[in-house]
Amino acid sequence: MPQLNPAPWFAILVFSWTVFLAILPPKVMAHSFPNEPAPQNTQKSQANSWSWPWL
């Protein structure tokens, strides 16, 4: 059966993994997001105590 011959399929497997591991990661890592997150305010907000009118 010709589909059991590993010669063409092994070359396709090696080439596809070469593409996935050598070419695509730098392209993905070079991607920049248009909206960079803003730094959060590190100051703690002042918590006001609730003044109940019936107490």
Protein backbone atom coordinates (compact mmCIF):
# COMPACT_ATOMS: atom_id res chain seq x y z
CA MET A 1 0.00 0.00 0.00
CA PRO A 2 1.54 3.35 -0.96
CA GLN A 3 0.18 5.29 2.03
CA LEU A 4 2.38 3.23 4.36
CA ASN A 5 5.58 4.43 2.71
CA PRO A 6 7.09 6.84 5.30
CA ALA A 7 9.38 8.68 2.89
CA PRO A 8 7.06 11.49 1.64
CA TRP A 9 5.07 11.80 4.88
CA PHE A 10 8.12 12.08 7.11
CA ALA A 11 9.49 14.90 4.95
CA ILE A 12 6.12 16.69 5.14
CA LEU A 13 6.06 16.22 8.92
CA VAL A 14 9.58 17.58 9.38
CA PHE A 15 8.93 20.54 7.09
CA SER A 16 5.67 21.45 8.80
CA TRP A 17 7.26 21.32 12.28
CA THR A 18 10.13 23.43 10.98
CA VAL A 19 7.62 26.04 9.87
CA PHE A 20 5.75 25.90 13.18
CA LEU A 21 8.86 26.08 15.37
CA ALA A 22 11.15 28.40 13.39
CA ILE A 23 9.02 30.78 11.36
CA LEU A 24 5.76 31.32 13.22
CA PRO A 25 6.92 32.08 16.83
CA PRO A 26 8.89 35.24 15.91
CA LYS A 27 5.91 36.48 13.91
CA VAL A 28 3.56 35.86 16.82
CA MET A 29 5.91 37.39 19.39
CA ALA A 30 6.40 40.52 17.25
CA HIS A 31 2.66 41.22 17.37
CA SER A 32 1.83 44.40 19.25
CA PHE A 33 -1.56 45.19 20.72
CA PRO A 34 -3.08 48.56 19.73
CA ASN A 35 -4.32 49.31 23.26
CA GLU A 36 -1.58 48.91 25.83
CA PRO A 37 -2.91 48.58 29.38
CA ALA A 38 -2.56 51.69 31.52
CA PRO A 39 -0.75 51.33 34.85
CA GLN A 40 -3.05 51.09 37.83
CA ASN A 41 -3.09 53.76 40.51
CA THR A 42 -1.10 52.46 43.47
CA GLN A 43 -2.62 54.83 46.04
CA LYS A 44 -5.28 53.38 48.27
CA SER A 45 -8.64 55.09 48.02
CA GLN A 46 -9.97 56.78 51.14
CA ALA A 47 -12.86 54.74 52.53
CA ASN A 48 -15.43 56.99 54.16
CA SER A 49 -17.51 55.52 56.94
CA TRP A 50 -21.24 55.50 56.36
CA SER A 51 -23.17 57.84 58.63
CA TRP A 52 -26.60 56.35 59.21
CA PRO A 53 -29.19 59.06 59.91
CA TRP A 54 -31.15 56.93 62.42
CA LEU A 55 -28.20 56.07 64.69
